[in-house]
N, C-alpha and C. Protein backbone atom coordinates (compact mmCIF):
# COMPACT_ATOMS: atom_id res chain seq x y z
N UNK A 1 192.01 -82.63 46.32
CA UNK A 1 191.73 -83.50 47.44
C UNK A 1 190.36 -83.18 48.01
N UNK A 2 189.57 -84.15 48.20
CA UNK A 2 188.26 -83.96 48.80
C UNK A 2 188.36 -84.30 50.28
N UNK A 3 188.15 -83.31 51.14
CA UNK A 3 188.24 -83.54 52.57
C UNK A 3 187.03 -84.35 53.03
N UNK A 4 187.28 -85.35 53.82
CA UNK A 4 186.21 -86.20 54.32
C UNK A 4 185.76 -85.80 55.70
N UNK A 5 184.89 -86.63 56.29
CA UNK A 5 184.34 -86.31 57.59
C UNK A 5 185.39 -86.35 58.69
N UNK A 6 186.52 -87.05 58.48
CA UNK A 6 187.58 -87.08 59.48
C UNK A 6 188.44 -85.82 59.42
N UNK A 7 188.29 -85.03 58.39
CA UNK A 7 189.06 -83.79 58.27
C UNK A 7 188.62 -82.81 59.35
N UNK A 8 189.54 -81.99 59.80
CA UNK A 8 189.17 -81.03 60.86
C UNK A 8 188.31 -79.89 60.34
N UNK A 9 187.65 -79.25 61.25
CA UNK A 9 187.03 -77.95 60.99
C UNK A 9 188.09 -76.94 61.38
N UNK A 10 188.39 -76.04 60.48
CA UNK A 10 189.45 -75.07 60.69
C UNK A 10 188.86 -73.73 61.09
N UNK A 11 189.37 -73.14 62.16
CA UNK A 11 188.95 -71.81 62.60
C UNK A 11 190.19 -70.92 62.54
N UNK A 12 190.09 -69.83 61.78
CA UNK A 12 191.23 -68.93 61.58
C UNK A 12 190.87 -67.55 62.11
N UNK A 13 191.62 -67.10 63.10
CA UNK A 13 191.46 -65.76 63.63
C UNK A 13 192.51 -64.85 63.04
N UNK A 14 192.10 -63.68 62.61
CA UNK A 14 193.00 -62.76 61.93
C UNK A 14 192.96 -61.41 62.63
N UNK A 15 194.12 -60.77 62.73
CA UNK A 15 194.15 -59.44 63.31
C UNK A 15 195.52 -59.03 63.77
N UNK A 16 195.58 -57.86 64.37
CA UNK A 16 196.83 -57.28 64.81
C UNK A 16 196.71 -56.95 66.30
N UNK A 17 197.53 -57.59 67.12
CA UNK A 17 197.45 -57.46 68.57
C UNK A 17 197.86 -56.09 69.08
N UNK A 18 198.47 -55.26 68.25
CA UNK A 18 198.86 -53.93 68.71
C UNK A 18 198.03 -52.83 68.06
N UNK A 19 196.85 -53.19 67.53
CA UNK A 19 195.95 -52.21 66.91
C UNK A 19 194.57 -52.25 67.56
N UNK A 20 194.53 -52.16 68.87
CA UNK A 20 193.29 -52.12 69.66
C UNK A 20 192.31 -53.20 69.23
N UNK A 21 191.13 -52.82 68.74
CA UNK A 21 190.08 -53.78 68.44
C UNK A 21 190.40 -54.70 67.27
N UNK A 22 191.45 -54.41 66.51
CA UNK A 22 191.86 -55.31 65.44
C UNK A 22 192.31 -56.65 66.01
N UNK A 23 192.62 -56.71 67.28
CA UNK A 23 193.02 -57.96 67.94
C UNK A 23 191.82 -58.86 68.24
N UNK A 24 190.62 -58.41 68.00
CA UNK A 24 189.42 -59.16 68.39
C UNK A 24 189.37 -60.55 67.77
N UNK A 25 189.70 -60.69 66.51
CA UNK A 25 189.68 -62.01 65.86
C UNK A 25 190.67 -62.97 66.50
N UNK A 26 191.86 -62.46 66.81
CA UNK A 26 192.87 -63.29 67.46
C UNK A 26 192.41 -63.75 68.84
N UNK A 27 191.93 -62.80 69.62
CA UNK A 27 191.48 -63.11 70.99
C UNK A 27 190.31 -64.09 70.99
N UNK A 28 189.38 -63.89 70.07
CA UNK A 28 188.21 -64.78 70.00
C UNK A 28 188.64 -66.20 69.68
N UNK A 29 189.53 -66.37 68.71
CA UNK A 29 189.93 -67.73 68.32
C UNK A 29 190.79 -68.38 69.39
N UNK A 30 191.59 -67.61 70.10
CA UNK A 30 192.33 -68.19 71.22
C UNK A 30 191.38 -68.74 72.27
N UNK A 31 190.29 -68.02 72.54
CA UNK A 31 189.29 -68.49 73.49
C UNK A 31 188.52 -69.70 72.95
N UNK A 32 188.19 -69.66 71.66
CA UNK A 32 187.48 -70.79 71.04
C UNK A 32 188.33 -72.05 71.13
N UNK A 33 189.63 -71.91 70.90
CA UNK A 33 190.52 -73.07 70.93
C UNK A 33 190.45 -73.81 72.26
N UNK A 34 190.33 -73.07 73.35
CA UNK A 34 190.27 -73.68 74.67
C UNK A 34 188.94 -74.40 74.93
N UNK A 35 187.90 -74.05 74.17
CA UNK A 35 186.56 -74.58 74.41
C UNK A 35 186.01 -75.43 73.27
N UNK A 36 186.72 -75.51 72.17
CA UNK A 36 186.21 -76.15 70.96
C UNK A 36 186.09 -77.66 71.13
N UNK A 37 185.11 -78.25 70.45
CA UNK A 37 184.98 -79.71 70.49
C UNK A 37 186.13 -80.37 69.73
N UNK A 38 186.27 -81.67 69.93
CA UNK A 38 187.29 -82.43 69.21
C UNK A 38 187.08 -82.26 67.71
N UNK A 39 188.15 -82.31 66.97
CA UNK A 39 188.05 -82.20 65.52
C UNK A 39 188.09 -80.78 65.01
N UNK A 40 188.40 -79.82 65.88
CA UNK A 40 188.51 -78.43 65.49
C UNK A 40 189.98 -78.01 65.62
N UNK A 41 190.50 -77.41 64.57
CA UNK A 41 191.87 -76.89 64.58
C UNK A 41 191.79 -75.37 64.50
N UNK A 42 192.47 -74.68 65.40
CA UNK A 42 192.44 -73.22 65.43
C UNK A 42 193.80 -72.65 65.06
N UNK A 43 193.78 -71.60 64.26
CA UNK A 43 194.99 -70.88 63.86
C UNK A 43 194.76 -69.39 64.09
N UNK A 44 195.77 -68.69 64.56
CA UNK A 44 195.71 -67.24 64.65
C UNK A 44 196.81 -66.68 63.76
N UNK A 45 196.45 -65.68 62.97
CA UNK A 45 197.39 -65.11 62.00
C UNK A 45 197.24 -63.59 61.96
N UNK A 46 198.34 -62.94 61.71
CA UNK A 46 198.34 -61.49 61.56
C UNK A 46 197.64 -61.10 60.26
N UNK A 47 197.84 -61.90 59.21
CA UNK A 47 197.19 -61.67 57.93
C UNK A 47 196.78 -63.00 57.31
N UNK A 48 195.82 -62.92 56.40
CA UNK A 48 195.43 -64.09 55.64
C UNK A 48 196.32 -64.16 54.41
N UNK A 49 197.20 -65.15 54.40
CA UNK A 49 198.18 -65.28 53.33
C UNK A 49 197.94 -66.54 52.51
N UNK A 50 198.48 -66.60 51.29
CA UNK A 50 198.25 -67.76 50.42
C UNK A 50 198.64 -69.11 51.03
N UNK A 51 199.56 -69.12 51.96
CA UNK A 51 199.98 -70.38 52.59
C UNK A 51 198.84 -71.08 53.31
N UNK A 52 197.79 -70.36 53.62
CA UNK A 52 196.64 -70.97 54.30
C UNK A 52 195.78 -71.80 53.35
N UNK A 53 195.98 -71.69 52.06
CA UNK A 53 195.17 -72.44 51.10
C UNK A 53 195.29 -73.94 51.32
N UNK A 54 196.47 -74.43 51.63
CA UNK A 54 196.63 -75.87 51.81
C UNK A 54 195.86 -76.39 53.03
N UNK A 55 196.04 -75.83 54.24
CA UNK A 55 195.23 -76.35 55.35
C UNK A 55 193.73 -76.15 55.14
N UNK A 56 193.35 -75.08 54.43
CA UNK A 56 191.93 -74.87 54.12
C UNK A 56 191.44 -76.03 53.25
N UNK A 57 192.22 -76.41 52.27
CA UNK A 57 191.80 -77.48 51.35
C UNK A 57 191.67 -78.83 52.06
N UNK A 58 192.35 -78.99 53.17
CA UNK A 58 192.32 -80.25 53.91
C UNK A 58 191.27 -80.25 55.01
N UNK A 59 190.46 -79.23 55.04
CA UNK A 59 189.46 -79.08 56.10
C UNK A 59 188.07 -79.45 55.61
N UNK A 60 187.24 -79.84 56.55
CA UNK A 60 185.84 -80.16 56.27
C UNK A 60 185.00 -78.90 56.16
N UNK A 61 185.41 -77.89 56.92
CA UNK A 61 184.75 -76.58 56.91
C UNK A 61 185.76 -75.59 57.47
N UNK A 62 185.56 -74.31 57.17
CA UNK A 62 186.46 -73.28 57.71
C UNK A 62 185.63 -72.09 58.19
N UNK A 63 186.08 -71.53 59.31
CA UNK A 63 185.44 -70.36 59.89
C UNK A 63 186.52 -69.30 60.06
N UNK A 64 186.32 -68.15 59.42
CA UNK A 64 187.23 -67.02 59.57
C UNK A 64 186.64 -66.07 60.61
N UNK A 65 187.47 -65.57 61.51
CA UNK A 65 187.03 -64.63 62.55
C UNK A 65 187.91 -63.40 62.47
N UNK A 66 187.28 -62.24 62.32
CA UNK A 66 188.04 -61.01 62.13
C UNK A 66 187.23 -59.82 62.65
N UNK A 67 187.95 -58.74 62.94
CA UNK A 67 187.29 -57.48 63.33
C UNK A 67 186.88 -56.73 62.07
N UNK A 68 185.96 -55.81 62.25
CA UNK A 68 185.56 -54.95 61.13
C UNK A 68 185.40 -53.53 61.64
N UNK A 69 185.68 -52.58 60.77
CA UNK A 69 185.59 -51.17 61.15
C UNK A 69 184.30 -50.53 60.67
N UNK A 70 183.54 -51.24 59.83
CA UNK A 70 182.27 -50.69 59.35
C UNK A 70 181.12 -51.38 60.07
N UNK A 71 179.94 -50.92 59.86
CA UNK A 71 178.72 -51.48 60.46
C UNK A 71 178.83 -51.60 61.98
N UNK A 72 179.37 -50.56 62.62
CA UNK A 72 179.56 -50.58 64.07
C UNK A 72 178.24 -50.65 64.82
N UNK A 73 177.17 -50.25 64.17
CA UNK A 73 175.86 -50.29 64.81
C UNK A 73 175.29 -51.70 64.85
N UNK A 74 175.95 -52.64 64.17
CA UNK A 74 175.47 -54.03 64.13
C UNK A 74 176.31 -54.90 65.05
N UNK A 75 175.72 -55.95 65.58
CA UNK A 75 176.46 -56.85 66.47
C UNK A 75 177.39 -57.76 65.67
N UNK A 76 177.94 -58.72 66.34
CA UNK A 76 178.74 -59.75 65.67
C UNK A 76 177.88 -60.38 64.58
N UNK A 77 178.46 -60.55 63.41
CA UNK A 77 177.75 -61.12 62.27
C UNK A 77 178.40 -62.44 61.89
N UNK A 78 177.57 -63.47 61.71
CA UNK A 78 178.03 -64.76 61.21
C UNK A 78 177.32 -64.98 59.88
N UNK A 79 178.12 -65.13 58.82
CA UNK A 79 177.51 -65.29 57.50
C UNK A 79 178.33 -66.26 56.66
N UNK A 80 177.64 -66.96 55.75
CA UNK A 80 178.38 -67.85 54.84
C UNK A 80 179.35 -67.03 54.01
N UNK A 81 180.46 -67.65 53.66
CA UNK A 81 181.47 -66.98 52.86
C UNK A 81 181.65 -67.75 51.56
N UNK A 82 181.53 -67.05 50.46
CA UNK A 82 181.67 -67.67 49.14
C UNK A 82 183.09 -67.52 48.63
N UNK A 83 183.46 -68.43 47.76
CA UNK A 83 184.73 -68.37 47.08
C UNK A 83 184.76 -67.12 46.19
N UNK A 84 185.92 -66.45 46.14
CA UNK A 84 186.08 -65.26 45.31
C UNK A 84 187.24 -65.48 44.36
N UNK A 85 186.97 -66.02 43.17
CA UNK A 85 188.06 -66.34 42.24
C UNK A 85 188.73 -65.12 41.62
N UNK A 86 188.24 -63.91 41.88
CA UNK A 86 188.88 -62.71 41.33
C UNK A 86 190.18 -62.40 42.04
N UNK A 87 190.35 -62.96 43.24
CA UNK A 87 191.57 -62.69 44.00
C UNK A 87 191.52 -61.36 44.73
N UNK A 88 190.41 -60.66 44.65
CA UNK A 88 190.30 -59.39 45.34
C UNK A 88 190.37 -59.60 46.84
N UNK A 89 191.10 -58.77 47.50
CA UNK A 89 191.15 -58.82 48.95
C UNK A 89 192.11 -59.83 49.51
N UNK A 90 192.96 -60.45 48.72
CA UNK A 90 193.91 -61.39 49.28
C UNK A 90 194.89 -60.60 50.13
N UNK A 91 194.82 -60.80 51.38
CA UNK A 91 195.56 -60.01 52.36
C UNK A 91 194.76 -60.06 53.63
N UNK A 92 194.71 -58.98 54.40
CA UNK A 92 194.05 -59.03 55.70
C UNK A 92 192.52 -59.07 55.57
N UNK A 93 191.92 -58.02 55.08
CA UNK A 93 190.46 -57.95 55.10
C UNK A 93 189.87 -58.50 53.82
N UNK A 94 188.91 -59.42 53.95
CA UNK A 94 188.21 -59.95 52.80
C UNK A 94 188.93 -61.06 52.08
N UNK A 95 190.04 -61.52 52.61
CA UNK A 95 190.83 -62.53 51.93
C UNK A 95 190.31 -63.94 52.04
N UNK A 96 189.33 -64.19 52.89
CA UNK A 96 188.82 -65.55 53.06
C UNK A 96 188.26 -66.13 51.77
N UNK A 97 187.50 -65.35 51.04
CA UNK A 97 186.95 -65.82 49.77
C UNK A 97 188.02 -66.11 48.75
N UNK A 98 189.06 -65.29 48.73
CA UNK A 98 190.18 -65.52 47.83
C UNK A 98 190.93 -66.79 48.20
N UNK A 99 191.08 -67.04 49.50
CA UNK A 99 191.77 -68.25 49.94
C UNK A 99 190.97 -69.51 49.60
N UNK A 100 189.65 -69.41 49.66
CA UNK A 100 188.81 -70.54 49.25
C UNK A 100 189.03 -70.84 47.77
N UNK A 101 189.04 -69.81 46.94
CA UNK A 101 189.27 -70.00 45.51
C UNK A 101 190.65 -70.57 45.24
N UNK A 102 191.63 -70.10 45.99
CA UNK A 102 192.99 -70.60 45.82
C UNK A 102 193.10 -72.07 46.23
N UNK A 103 192.42 -72.44 47.32
CA UNK A 103 192.41 -73.84 47.76
C UNK A 103 191.80 -74.73 46.69
N UNK A 104 190.72 -74.27 46.08
CA UNK A 104 190.08 -75.03 45.01
C UNK A 104 190.99 -75.15 43.80
N UNK A 105 191.61 -74.06 43.41
CA UNK A 105 192.46 -74.05 42.22
C UNK A 105 193.72 -74.90 42.40
N UNK A 106 194.33 -74.82 43.57
CA UNK A 106 195.60 -75.52 43.78
C UNK A 106 195.44 -76.96 44.26
N UNK A 107 194.42 -77.19 45.09
CA UNK A 107 194.29 -78.50 45.75
C UNK A 107 193.00 -79.23 45.44
N UNK A 108 192.11 -78.60 44.66
CA UNK A 108 190.90 -79.27 44.23
C UNK A 108 189.78 -79.34 45.25
N UNK A 109 189.91 -78.60 46.36
CA UNK A 109 188.84 -78.64 47.36
C UNK A 109 188.77 -77.31 48.10
N UNK A 110 187.58 -76.74 48.11
CA UNK A 110 187.28 -75.56 48.93
C UNK A 110 186.10 -75.93 49.80
N UNK A 111 186.28 -76.04 51.11
CA UNK A 111 185.19 -76.45 51.98
C UNK A 111 184.16 -75.33 52.16
N UNK A 112 183.00 -75.68 52.70
CA UNK A 112 182.06 -74.63 53.06
C UNK A 112 182.72 -73.72 54.09
N UNK A 113 182.38 -72.43 54.05
CA UNK A 113 183.06 -71.48 54.92
C UNK A 113 182.09 -70.44 55.47
N UNK A 114 182.48 -69.88 56.61
CA UNK A 114 181.71 -68.82 57.26
C UNK A 114 182.67 -67.73 57.68
N UNK A 115 182.13 -66.52 57.79
CA UNK A 115 182.88 -65.37 58.27
C UNK A 115 182.17 -64.83 59.50
N UNK A 116 182.91 -64.74 60.60
CA UNK A 116 182.42 -64.15 61.83
C UNK A 116 183.13 -62.81 61.97
N UNK A 117 182.37 -61.72 61.94
CA UNK A 117 183.00 -60.41 62.06
C UNK A 117 182.56 -59.72 63.35
N UNK A 118 183.52 -59.06 63.96
CA UNK A 118 183.35 -58.41 65.26
C UNK A 118 183.48 -56.90 65.05
N UNK A 119 182.47 -56.13 65.44
CA UNK A 119 182.60 -54.68 65.26
C UNK A 119 183.67 -54.11 66.18
N UNK A 120 184.52 -53.26 65.62
CA UNK A 120 185.56 -52.61 66.40
C UNK A 120 185.34 -51.11 66.44
N UNK A 121 185.63 -50.51 67.58
CA UNK A 121 185.42 -49.08 67.74
C UNK A 121 186.68 -48.27 67.47
N UNK A 122 187.85 -48.90 67.67
CA UNK A 122 189.09 -48.15 67.52
C UNK A 122 190.20 -49.08 67.05
N UNK A 123 191.01 -48.61 66.11
CA UNK A 123 192.08 -49.41 65.53
C UNK A 123 193.42 -48.68 65.60
N UNK A 124 193.59 -47.87 66.65
CA UNK A 124 194.84 -47.15 66.83
C UNK A 124 195.93 -48.07 67.37
N UNK A 125 197.10 -47.51 67.57
CA UNK A 125 198.21 -48.30 68.10
C UNK A 125 198.11 -48.37 69.61
N UNK A 126 197.68 -49.54 70.09
CA UNK A 126 197.55 -49.79 71.52
C UNK A 126 197.29 -51.27 71.69
N UNK A 127 197.78 -51.85 72.75
CA UNK A 127 197.57 -53.28 72.98
C UNK A 127 196.29 -53.58 73.74
N UNK A 128 195.55 -52.57 74.14
CA UNK A 128 194.30 -52.75 74.86
C UNK A 128 193.11 -52.56 73.92
N UNK A 129 192.17 -53.49 73.98
CA UNK A 129 190.94 -53.34 73.21
C UNK A 129 189.98 -52.41 73.95
N UNK A 130 189.05 -51.85 73.21
CA UNK A 130 188.00 -51.04 73.82
C UNK A 130 186.98 -51.96 74.49
N UNK A 131 186.11 -51.37 75.30
CA UNK A 131 185.04 -52.14 75.92
C UNK A 131 184.16 -52.80 74.86
N UNK A 132 183.89 -52.05 73.78
CA UNK A 132 183.07 -52.61 72.70
C UNK A 132 183.78 -53.79 72.04
N UNK A 133 185.07 -53.67 71.85
CA UNK A 133 185.84 -54.77 71.26
C UNK A 133 185.82 -56.01 72.14
N UNK A 134 186.02 -55.82 73.43
CA UNK A 134 186.00 -56.96 74.37
C UNK A 134 184.61 -57.62 74.41
N UNK A 135 183.56 -56.81 74.38
CA UNK A 135 182.20 -57.37 74.35
C UNK A 135 181.98 -58.15 73.06
N UNK A 136 182.49 -57.63 71.95
CA UNK A 136 182.37 -58.32 70.68
C UNK A 136 183.10 -59.66 70.69
N UNK A 137 184.25 -59.71 71.33
CA UNK A 137 185.00 -60.97 71.43
C UNK A 137 184.15 -62.01 72.14
N UNK A 138 183.55 -61.65 73.26
CA UNK A 138 182.73 -62.61 74.02
C UNK A 138 181.56 -63.12 73.18
N UNK A 139 180.92 -62.22 72.45
CA UNK A 139 179.80 -62.62 71.59
C UNK A 139 180.29 -63.49 70.43
N UNK A 140 181.44 -63.14 69.86
CA UNK A 140 181.98 -63.93 68.75
C UNK A 140 182.36 -65.33 69.22
N UNK A 141 182.90 -65.46 70.39
CA UNK A 141 183.24 -66.79 70.93
C UNK A 141 181.97 -67.61 71.06
N UNK A 142 180.93 -67.02 71.64
CA UNK A 142 179.66 -67.73 71.81
C UNK A 142 179.09 -68.16 70.47
N UNK A 143 179.04 -67.24 69.51
CA UNK A 143 178.46 -67.53 68.21
C UNK A 143 179.30 -68.55 67.43
N UNK A 144 180.62 -68.46 67.53
CA UNK A 144 181.51 -69.40 66.84
C UNK A 144 181.35 -70.79 67.42
N UNK A 145 181.27 -70.90 68.74
CA UNK A 145 181.08 -72.21 69.36
C UNK A 145 179.72 -72.82 68.97
N UNK A 146 178.69 -71.98 68.85
CA UNK A 146 177.39 -72.47 68.37
C UNK A 146 177.51 -73.02 66.95
N UNK A 147 178.20 -72.29 66.09
CA UNK A 147 178.39 -72.73 64.71
C UNK A 147 179.18 -74.04 64.68
N UNK A 148 180.23 -74.14 65.47
CA UNK A 148 181.02 -75.37 65.52
C UNK A 148 180.19 -76.56 66.00
N UNK A 149 179.32 -76.33 66.96
CA UNK A 149 178.45 -77.40 67.43
C UNK A 149 177.50 -77.86 66.34
N UNK A 150 176.96 -76.91 65.57
CA UNK A 150 176.10 -77.26 64.44
C UNK A 150 176.86 -78.06 63.39
N UNK A 151 178.06 -77.63 63.09
CA UNK A 151 178.88 -78.33 62.09
C UNK A 151 179.25 -79.73 62.56
N UNK A 152 179.58 -79.85 63.84
CA UNK A 152 179.93 -81.16 64.40
C UNK A 152 178.72 -82.09 64.37
N UNK A 153 177.54 -81.56 64.67
CA UNK A 153 176.33 -82.37 64.69
C UNK A 153 175.95 -82.83 63.27
N UNK A 154 176.31 -82.04 62.28
CA UNK A 154 175.98 -82.37 60.89
C UNK A 154 176.97 -83.36 60.28
N UNK A 155 178.04 -83.67 61.02
CA UNK A 155 179.05 -84.60 60.48
C UNK A 155 178.44 -85.99 60.30
N UNK A 156 178.66 -86.58 59.12
CA UNK A 156 178.08 -87.91 58.86
C UNK A 156 178.76 -88.99 59.68
């Protein structure tokens, strides 16, 4: 299926709400959902699972938002995400590329995709994020909304 301009832009937040800064992706996408322009569909998930391949295939574009434990010295990063047909990383971290490949293989369409990563300082068992995690969420929301505005403006 080839998704057309009427297809939604899909934003998927991934993380664990009881692992401190790992909740950053979830929190960011919940905030984005309240502010997103029309035509944006937001999902929050504990893990990136194969079931997401179908809604991905029906989307015009997809944005994955997740926390990261490496590159803590770097701010929120927004980067294009390529399809990964090897299937490596299908699960929580790095699964976006695998899901794109799965959407292409099963449904014939993998939309352009981006990965927004939020640096996390701590991933222990706690429902409170660190100050760095909360700051990263605010920056990720801002950067994701900017990306969504660009994508919406590029719609034919």
